[in-house]
Amino acid sequence: MNDLYIHDLDLPTTQRSNTLIYTKRVAIFAFITLLALASIRIIVNVQKANALQEYTTKTLERTVLITHAQPGDLKRTLALPTSLRGNNESIIYARTTGYVSVWYKGIGDQVKKGDLLATLEAPDQEQELAQARAQREQTAARTDLAEQTLSRWEALEARQSAISQQDLAEKRSLVRQGRADLNAADANVKRLEQLQSFRRITAPFAGIITRRSIEVGDLIASTGKELFAISQTDPLRATVWVPQAYAANLNLGAQVNLNIAEQSSAKIKANIERIAGGIDPATHARQVDLILENPNAKILPGTYAEVSIQLSSSVKTLIVPAAVLIVTDQTQRVAIVNKDKHLHFTTVKLGRDLGKDVEILDGITSQDTLVVSPSDQLIEDQLVETLAWQPASSEVPKKPGNNEKVSATEKLADNNKTPKEK
């Protein structure tokens, strides 16, 4: 009885001990479970980080178009506008006053030197000429009388010395005065005869009439109204103004090409005849005169044309496509792909702008591999894949169909797209 009582008293203590042991076991199990889950989570995160790193690396490996610089002593074409004109061009005015009685040549007529173009009527000049001739005859008669009188006085003076020297000197003076008056009268007659000849308007050189500004009955004043405009059509001339950047690369006698829209199939050649000895400070350009043969007047004076001048640079430079330049804050840079296919950005010094190409004076070598149209997302030392660049053709590229090939540019654009864009 007593033992049973004692056992009953110890029962709560045993239960409490068992409960404590169970709780510890559950806590340890839970800790181990959490530790395992944390380890699994760390492993998964590491795997995801590695996958992300691998994806990022593949994404950053962009494909770029590459090219190389070319020697800069190649020729290039400079196109300049101009207007053709006759070798000689003249506007004809009247040298005398009169009415137009008749004109013989109009616009488009070919004339030779000395051909009669028009005549003027001037009745008052005819009367002036008649009066001048009459006055000349009067002066001649007085001069003859003075000479005869002087001869008689000189004969008397030789036979006897009773002739006054003063009277003899007066007679000699009258003769000299008469001769001077006669010369003046002759000059006046010739002047009026010359004015009368100016009533005949003639061509100063062979050419074509480009403008006629008179009609029969018009009153023409001396050097007042334009009568005709004449132009010599063979050869023709042209003037172009070459910019200062190219002014040193011109040579006398060099051949140039002329392009006329209406005669696009014809190859028209001209030669540099004269080159100005300096640069015009107003336009910063150099005047160049051209001359070209024009048999049978196939090209009309005043025609608009485009002159193509082949130029070559004396400075040894490198020529690169303008698309390789990266211009930021007035600084010109290019992207270079090294042997390990990593990018490097370098500053360059530019020369002349040649349109699609530019000259590089310093900063790169001909062995450097340059990136064409570099993306703004490219960074220093970035790993890239390369693709040879081909100049774009004038044709619009087609989208690839079932049997069509993808161009290099389209392939590059596709490689640079993000997964979402694809």
Protein backbone atom coordinates (compact mmCIF):
# COMPACT_ATOMS: atom_id res chain seq x y z
CA MET A 1 0.00 0.00 0.00
CA ASN A 2 2.75 2.33 0.86
CA ASP A 3 4.71 1.44 -2.28
CA LEU A 4 1.73 2.14 -4.45
CA TYR A 5 1.29 5.46 -2.87
CA ILE A 6 4.91 6.38 -3.48
CA HIS A 7 4.65 5.35 -7.16
CA ASP A 8 1.61 7.55 -7.59
CA LEU A 9 3.48 10.46 -6.19
CA ASP A 10 6.37 10.08 -8.71
CA LEU A 11 4.15 9.88 -11.84
CA PRO A 12 3.83 13.64 -12.60
CA THR A 13 7.60 14.11 -12.45
CA THR A 14 8.18 11.35 -15.00
CA GLN A 15 5.64 12.78 -17.36
CA ARG A 16 7.21 16.17 -17.16
CA SER A 17 10.63 14.68 -17.99
CA ASN A 18 9.26 12.87 -21.02
CA THR A 19 7.53 16.01 -22.26
CA LEU A 20 10.78 17.94 -21.96
CA ILE A 21 12.70 15.34 -23.94
CA TYR A 22 10.04 15.31 -26.69
CA THR A 23 10.14 19.08 -26.93
CA LYS A 24 13.89 19.06 -27.33
CA ARG A 25 13.71 16.46 -30.04
CA VAL A 26 11.07 18.48 -31.91
CA ALA A 27 13.18 21.63 -31.64
CA ILE A 28 16.28 19.86 -32.91
CA PHE A 29 14.32 18.40 -35.82
CA ALA A 30 12.88 21.77 -36.66
CA PHE A 31 16.34 23.36 -36.55
CA ILE A 32 17.77 20.68 -38.80
CA THR A 33 14.84 21.12 -41.17
CA LEU A 34 15.29 24.88 -41.32
CA LEU A 35 19.02 24.45 -41.83
CA ALA A 36 18.38 22.08 -44.71
CA LEU A 37 15.86 24.42 -46.26
CA ALA A 38 18.28 27.34 -45.93
CA SER A 39 21.03 25.29 -47.55
CA ILE A 40 18.71 24.36 -50.37
CA ARG A 41 17.73 28.01 -50.79
CA ILE A 42 21.37 29.10 -50.91
CA ILE A 43 22.14 26.47 -53.51
CA VAL A 44 19.16 27.54 -55.62
CA ASN A 45 20.17 31.22 -55.36
CA VAL A 46 23.72 30.41 -56.38
CA GLN A 47 22.46 28.44 -59.35
CA LYS A 48 20.16 31.29 -60.37
CA ALA A 49 22.98 33.82 -59.95
CA ASN A 50 25.25 31.69 -62.11
CA ALA A 51 22.52 31.36 -64.73
CA LEU A 52 21.92 35.11 -64.63
CA GLN A 53 25.64 35.77 -64.93
CA GLU A 54 25.87 33.42 -67.88
CA TYR A 55 22.86 35.05 -69.55
CA THR A 56 24.24 38.51 -68.89
CA THR A 57 27.59 37.53 -70.38
CA LYS A 58 25.92 36.15 -73.47
CA THR A 59 23.75 39.25 -73.73
CA LEU A 60 26.70 41.60 -73.44
CA GLU A 61 28.54 39.80 -76.22
CA ARG A 62 27.07 42.04 -78.91
CA THR A 63 27.82 41.65 -82.57
CA VAL A 64 29.35 44.75 -84.17
CA LEU A 65 30.18 45.68 -87.76
CA ILE A 66 33.87 46.31 -88.33
CA THR A 67 36.00 47.95 -91.00
CA HIS A 68 39.58 49.17 -91.50
CA ALA A 69 40.99 52.55 -92.44
CA GLN A 70 42.25 53.07 -95.99
CA PRO A 71 45.22 55.17 -97.17
CA GLY A 72 44.25 58.79 -97.64
CA ASP A 73 45.91 59.49 -101.00
CA LEU A 74 42.87 58.36 -102.96
CA LYS A 75 41.06 60.63 -105.37
CA ARG A 76 37.72 62.19 -104.67
CA THR A 77 35.23 64.21 -106.69
CA LEU A 78 34.19 67.76 -105.87
CA ALA A 79 30.87 68.80 -107.45
CA LEU A 80 30.21 72.53 -107.89
CA PRO A 81 27.39 74.40 -109.71
CA THR A 82 28.09 76.86 -112.51
CA SER A 83 26.54 78.61 -115.52
CA LEU A 84 28.13 78.48 -118.95
CA ARG A 85 28.79 81.68 -120.88
CA GLY A 86 30.25 82.59 -124.24
CA ASN A 87 33.96 82.98 -124.74
CA ASN A 88 33.20 86.61 -125.59
CA GLU A 89 30.00 88.34 -124.59
CA SER A 90 29.12 91.90 -125.47
CA ILE A 91 26.22 94.33 -125.20
CA ILE A 92 26.08 96.66 -128.19
CA TYR A 93 25.16 100.33 -127.76
CA ALA A 94 24.88 103.15 -130.29
CA ARG A 95 27.75 105.67 -130.57
CA THR A 96 25.50 108.26 -132.20
CA THR A 97 21.97 109.58 -131.91
CA GLY A 98 19.33 108.70 -134.45
CA TYR A 99 16.20 106.77 -135.35
CA VAL A 100 16.23 103.05 -136.14
CA SER A 101 15.54 102.75 -139.86
CA VAL A 102 15.93 98.96 -140.17
CA TRP A 103 17.36 95.99 -138.25
CA TYR A 104 18.77 92.94 -140.02
CA LYS A 105 19.55 90.39 -137.27
CA GLY A 106 17.35 89.07 -134.45
CA ILE A 107 17.71 86.64 -131.55
CA GLY A 108 19.16 83.27 -132.50
CA ASP A 109 20.85 84.52 -135.68
CA GLN A 110 24.45 83.54 -136.27
CA VAL A 111 26.61 86.48 -137.31
CA LYS A 112 30.17 86.99 -138.45
CA LYS A 113 32.50 89.77 -137.48
CA GLY A 114 31.47 92.99 -139.32
CA ASP A 115 27.97 91.80 -140.26
CA LEU A 116 25.44 94.65 -140.40
CA LEU A 117 22.93 94.40 -137.54
CA ALA A 118 20.94 97.64 -137.93
CA THR A 119 21.13 101.16 -139.35
CA LEU A 120 20.15 104.52 -137.88
CA GLU A 121 18.87 107.65 -139.58
CA ALA A 122 20.28 111.02 -138.40
CA PRO A 123 19.35 113.90 -140.81
CA ASP A 124 20.73 116.58 -138.50
CA GLN A 125 24.16 114.93 -138.59
CA GLU A 126 24.13 115.01 -142.38
CA GLN A 127 23.47 118.75 -142.26
CA GLU A 128 26.23 119.22 -139.70
CA LEU A 129 28.62 117.31 -141.92
CA ALA A 130 27.68 119.43 -144.95
CA GLN A 131 28.18 122.58 -142.91
CA ALA A 132 31.54 121.36 -141.64
CA ARG A 133 32.73 120.58 -145.14
CA ALA A 134 31.69 124.04 -146.32
CA GLN A 135 33.50 125.67 -143.44
CA ARG A 136 36.53 123.61 -144.29
CA GLU A 137 36.46 124.91 -147.86
CA GLN A 138 36.23 128.49 -146.57
CA THR A 139 39.21 127.93 -144.32
CA ALA A 140 41.14 126.35 -147.18
CA ALA A 141 40.44 129.35 -149.42
CA ARG A 142 41.64 131.81 -146.78
CA THR A 143 44.73 129.74 -146.21
CA ASP A 144 45.54 129.64 -149.94
CA LEU A 145 45.21 133.45 -150.15
CA ALA A 146 47.45 133.88 -147.13
CA GLU A 147 50.08 131.58 -148.65
CA GLN A 148 50.03 133.44 -151.99
CA THR A 149 50.32 136.80 -150.23
CA LEU A 150 53.28 135.52 -148.20
CA SER A 151 55.00 134.29 -151.34
CA ARG A 152 54.71 137.73 -153.00
CA TRP A 153 56.00 139.53 -149.91
CA GLU A 154 58.93 137.18 -149.62
CA ALA A 155 59.75 137.79 -153.32
CA LEU A 156 59.64 141.55 -152.78
CA GLU A 157 61.82 141.24 -149.70
CA ALA A 158 64.40 139.31 -151.71
CA ARG A 159 64.63 142.03 -154.43
CA GLN A 160 64.61 145.05 -152.15
CA SER A 161 64.95 145.54 -148.49
CA ALA A 162 62.26 148.20 -148.29
CA ILE A 163 59.73 145.61 -147.00
CA SER A 164 58.98 145.99 -143.31
CA GLN A 165 59.93 142.93 -141.31
CA GLN A 166 56.87 143.44 -139.12
CA ASP A 167 54.58 143.20 -142.13
CA LEU A 168 56.39 140.09 -143.33
CA ALA A 169 56.02 138.46 -139.90
CA GLU A 170 52.31 139.21 -139.90
CA LYS A 171 51.88 137.54 -143.31
CA ARG A 172 53.75 134.46 -142.10
CA SER A 173 51.57 134.36 -138.97
CA LEU A 174 48.42 134.49 -141.08
CA VAL A 175 49.64 131.48 -143.08
CA ARG A 176 50.31 129.44 -139.93
CA GLN A 177 46.94 130.43 -138.50
CA GLY A 178 45.20 129.47 -141.73
CA ARG A 179 46.91 126.08 -141.82
CA ALA A 180 45.91 125.47 -138.18
CA ASP A 181 42.32 126.42 -138.93
CA LEU A 182 42.38 124.08 -141.91
CA ASN A 183 43.61 121.18 -139.75
CA ALA A 184 40.87 121.90 -137.23
CA ALA A 185 38.28 121.95 -140.00
CA ASP A 186 39.60 118.63 -141.36
CA ALA A 187 39.39 117.07 -137.87
CA ASN A 188 35.81 118.26 -137.44
CA VAL A 189 34.84 116.81 -140.82
CA LYS A 190 36.43 113.46 -139.92
CA ARG A 191 34.63 113.47 -136.56
CA LEU A 192 31.28 113.97 -138.19
CA GLU A 193 32.07 111.37 -140.86
CA GLN A 194 32.96 108.91 -138.07
CA LEU A 195 29.68 109.65 -136.31
CA GLN A 196 27.89 109.06 -139.55
CA SER A 197 29.58 105.66 -139.91
CA PHE A 198 28.34 104.78 -136.40
CA ARG A 199 24.84 104.75 -137.81
CA ARG A 200 25.75 101.32 -139.17
CA ILE A 201 25.61 98.88 -136.22
CA THR A 202 27.93 95.94 -136.93
CA ALA A 203 28.91 92.75 -135.05
CA PRO A 204 32.21 93.10 -133.13
CA PHE A 205 32.95 89.35 -133.40
CA ALA A 206 31.44 86.13 -134.69
CA GLY A 207 28.72 84.69 -132.49
CA ILE A 208 25.00 84.42 -131.91
CA ILE A 209 22.50 87.18 -131.14
CA THR A 210 21.05 86.48 -127.69
CA ARG A 211 18.98 89.65 -127.27
CA ARG A 212 17.50 92.42 -129.45
CA SER A 213 16.05 95.49 -127.73
CA ILE A 214 15.11 97.80 -130.63
CA GLU A 215 12.31 98.29 -133.11
CA VAL A 216 12.05 100.35 -136.25
CA GLY A 217 11.42 104.02 -135.40
CA ASP A 218 12.99 103.92 -131.92
CA LEU A 219 14.95 107.00 -131.00
CA ILE A 220 18.40 105.92 -129.89
CA ALA A 221 20.61 108.21 -127.84
CA SER A 222 24.37 107.88 -127.80
CA THR A 223 25.35 105.12 -125.28
CA GLY A 224 21.82 105.29 -123.92
CA LYS A 225 19.79 102.20 -124.83
CA GLU A 226 21.00 98.67 -125.35
CA LEU A 227 20.60 97.54 -128.95
CA PHE A 228 21.84 93.96 -129.13
CA ALA A 229 23.53 91.32 -126.99
CA ILE A 230 25.90 88.94 -128.74
CA SER A 231 27.72 85.87 -127.44
CA GLN A 232 30.48 83.75 -128.91
CA THR A 233 29.39 80.11 -128.60
CA ASP A 234 32.63 78.31 -129.43
CA PRO A 235 34.35 77.92 -127.08
CA LEU A 236 32.31 78.39 -123.92
CA ARG A 237 33.55 79.46 -120.51
CA ALA A 238 32.52 78.78 -116.93
CA THR A 239 33.60 79.99 -113.52
CA VAL A 240 33.48 77.99 -110.30
CA TRP A 241 34.48 78.90 -106.75
CA VAL A 242 36.44 76.11 -105.08
CA PRO A 243 36.27 76.09 -101.24
CA GLN A 244 39.45 76.90 -99.37
CA ALA A 245 39.82 73.31 -98.11
CA TYR A 246 40.38 72.10 -101.69
CA ALA A 247 41.96 75.20 -103.24
CA ALA A 248 45.53 73.87 -103.04
CA ASN A 249 44.77 70.73 -105.09
CA LEU A 250 44.12 72.46 -108.43
CA ASN A 251 46.32 72.35 -111.53
CA LEU A 252 46.28 74.43 -114.70
CA GLY A 253 45.17 72.45 -117.74
CA ALA A 254 43.56 69.72 -115.65
CA GLN A 255 40.50 68.12 -117.21
CA VAL A 256 37.13 68.25 -115.47
CA ASN A 257 33.72 66.79 -116.25
CA LEU A 258 30.53 68.76 -116.84
CA ASN A 259 27.11 67.31 -116.18
CA ILE A 260 24.12 68.91 -117.91
CA ALA A 261 20.74 67.46 -116.97
CA GLU A 262 19.38 67.80 -120.51
CA GLN A 263 22.42 65.99 -121.93
CA SER A 264 23.03 63.39 -119.24
CA SER A 265 24.22 60.79 -121.76
CA ALA A 266 26.91 63.05 -123.27
CA LYS A 267 30.38 63.15 -121.74
CA ILE A 268 31.33 66.82 -121.68
CA LYS A 269 34.93 67.68 -120.91
CA ALA A 270 36.43 71.03 -119.98
CA ASN A 271 39.87 72.26 -118.96
CA ILE A 272 41.04 74.55 -116.19
CA GLU A 273 42.28 77.66 -118.00
CA ARG A 274 42.99 80.06 -115.15
CA ILE A 275 43.27 79.84 -111.37
CA ALA A 276 43.12 82.86 -109.10
CA GLY A 277 46.33 83.66 -107.24
CA GLY A 278 44.55 84.07 -103.89
CA ILE A 279 41.52 83.23 -101.77
CA ASP A 280 38.55 85.60 -101.83
CA PRO A 281 38.26 86.88 -98.22
CA ALA A 282 34.50 87.32 -98.58
CA THR A 283 33.67 83.76 -99.72
CA HIS A 284 36.88 81.95 -98.63
CA ALA A 285 36.96 80.32 -102.04
CA ARG A 286 39.29 80.34 -105.03
CA GLN A 287 38.10 81.38 -108.48
CA VAL A 288 38.71 78.87 -111.27
CA ASP A 289 37.94 79.60 -114.96
CA LEU A 290 37.09 76.69 -117.27
CA ILE A 291 36.98 76.52 -121.05
CA LEU A 292 35.31 73.89 -123.25
CA GLU A 293 34.90 73.36 -126.95
CA ASN A 294 31.37 73.78 -128.33
CA PRO A 295 31.29 73.04 -132.04
CA ASN A 296 28.03 73.70 -133.86
CA ALA A 297 26.74 75.51 -130.73
CA LYS A 298 25.27 72.32 -129.26
CA ILE A 299 25.37 73.86 -125.78
CA LEU A 300 23.68 77.21 -125.34
CA PRO A 301 25.28 80.05 -123.38
CA GLY A 302 23.71 80.48 -119.97
CA THR A 303 23.13 76.74 -119.48
CA TYR A 304 23.27 75.51 -115.88
CA ALA A 305 25.81 72.73 -115.32
CA GLU A 306 27.50 70.82 -112.52
CA VAL A 307 31.28 70.65 -112.59
CA SER A 308 32.98 67.52 -111.25
CA ILE A 309 36.63 68.09 -110.30
CA GLN A 310 38.86 65.16 -109.39
CA LEU A 311 41.01 66.10 -106.41
CA SER A 312 43.81 64.28 -104.64
CA SER A 313 45.28 65.10 -101.26
CA SER A 314 49.04 65.59 -100.86
CA VAL A 315 48.83 64.83 -97.12
CA LYS A 316 49.10 61.15 -96.16
CA THR A 317 46.08 60.45 -94.01
CA LEU A 318 43.68 57.62 -93.27
CA ILE A 319 40.19 57.51 -94.76
CA VAL A 320 37.39 55.98 -92.69
CA PRO A 321 33.60 55.93 -93.07
CA ALA A 322 31.94 58.77 -91.22
CA ALA A 323 29.77 56.19 -89.43
CA VAL A 324 32.69 55.09 -87.21
CA LEU A 325 32.85 58.46 -85.43
CA ILE A 326 31.45 58.97 -81.95
CA VAL A 327 30.98 62.72 -81.44
CA THR A 328 30.32 63.87 -77.87
CA ASP A 329 30.96 67.31 -76.40
CA GLN A 330 33.02 68.39 -79.42
CA THR A 331 35.25 65.31 -78.98
CA GLN A 332 35.65 62.77 -81.75
CA ARG A 333 36.27 59.16 -80.76
CA VAL A 334 36.23 55.75 -82.41
CA ALA A 335 35.70 52.24 -81.00
CA ILE A 336 38.53 49.78 -81.69
CA VAL A 337 38.26 45.99 -81.37
CA ASN A 338 41.55 44.50 -80.13
CA LYS A 339 42.86 40.99 -80.79
CA ASP A 340 40.97 39.61 -77.78
CA LYS A 341 37.71 41.03 -79.19
CA HIS A 342 37.43 43.62 -76.44
CA LEU A 343 36.45 47.21 -77.08
CA HIS A 344 38.68 50.22 -76.59
CA PHE A 345 37.64 53.83 -77.18
CA THR A 346 40.24 56.32 -78.43
CA THR A 347 40.20 60.00 -79.40
CA VAL A 348 41.10 60.90 -82.99
CA LYS A 349 42.02 64.08 -84.86
CA LEU A 350 39.89 64.78 -87.92
CA GLY A 351 41.01 66.16 -91.25
CA ARG A 352 38.68 67.05 -94.11
CA ASP A 353 35.08 65.98 -94.42
CA LEU A 354 34.69 64.05 -97.68
CA GLY A 355 30.97 63.40 -97.40
CA LYS A 356 30.47 59.71 -96.65
CA ASP A 357 34.10 59.46 -95.57
CA VAL A 358 36.36 61.55 -93.34
CA GLU A 359 40.10 61.95 -92.99
CA ILE A 360 41.80 60.90 -89.78
CA LEU A 361 45.07 62.72 -89.08
CA ASP A 362 45.99 61.09 -85.76
CA GLY A 363 44.74 58.52 -83.24
CA ILE A 364 44.54 55.26 -85.22
CA THR A 365 46.58 53.11 -87.60
CA SER A 366 45.63 51.23 -90.72
CA GLN A 367 45.82 47.93 -88.77
CA ASP A 368 43.17 48.95 -86.22
CA THR A 369 39.76 47.27 -86.44
CA LEU A 370 37.08 49.98 -86.19
CA VAL A 371 33.44 49.58 -85.20
CA VAL A 372 30.90 50.98 -87.65
CA SER A 373 27.86 52.76 -86.16
CA PRO A 374 28.73 51.84 -82.54
CA SER A 375 25.80 51.57 -80.14
CA ASP A 376 25.48 53.87 -77.14
CA GLN A 377 25.29 50.76 -74.94
CA LEU A 378 28.84 49.67 -75.73
CA ILE A 379 31.32 50.15 -72.89
CA GLU A 380 35.09 50.03 -72.46
CA ASP A 381 36.67 46.55 -72.50
CA GLN A 382 33.38 44.91 -73.50
CA LEU A 383 33.56 41.54 -75.24
CA VAL A 384 32.00 41.60 -78.72
CA GLU A 385 31.54 39.47 -81.79
CA THR A 386 32.57 40.98 -85.13
CA LEU A 387 31.01 41.00 -88.57
CA ALA A 388 32.60 42.51 -91.68
CA TRP A 389 30.86 45.70 -92.80
CA GLN A 390 29.77 46.24 -96.39
CA PRO A 391 28.75 49.72 -97.62
CA ALA A 392 24.99 49.96 -97.95
CA SER A 393 23.69 49.76 -101.51
CA SER A 394 21.22 52.22 -102.99
CA GLU A 395 18.52 49.56 -103.03
CA VAL A 396 16.14 49.22 -100.11
CA PRO A 397 16.81 45.86 -98.42
CA LYS A 398 13.90 43.44 -98.44
CA LYS A 399 12.68 41.57 -95.40
CA PRO A 400 13.73 37.93 -95.53
CA GLY A 401 11.03 35.61 -96.83
CA ASN A 402 10.91 31.87 -97.27
CA ASN A 403 13.86 31.67 -99.63
CA GLU A 404 15.55 35.04 -99.00
CA LYS A 405 18.84 35.51 -97.19
CA VAL A 406 19.21 37.79 -94.18
CA SER A 407 21.57 40.70 -94.74
CA ALA A 408 24.49 41.35 -92.42
CA THR A 409 22.86 44.50 -91.06
CA GLU A 410 19.61 42.67 -90.26
CA LYS A 411 21.55 39.89 -88.59
CA LEU A 412 23.41 42.39 -86.43
CA ALA A 413 20.18 44.13 -85.47
CA ASP A 414 18.65 40.79 -84.49
CA ASN A 415 21.63 39.84 -82.36
CA ASN A 416 21.45 43.14 -80.48
CA LYS A 417 17.81 42.66 -79.51
CA THR A 418 16.85 41.78 -75.95
CA PRO A 419 14.92 38.54 -75.26
CA LYS A 420 11.68 40.51 -74.89
CA GLU A 421 12.21 42.21 -78.30
CA LYS A 422 12.85 38.85 -79.92
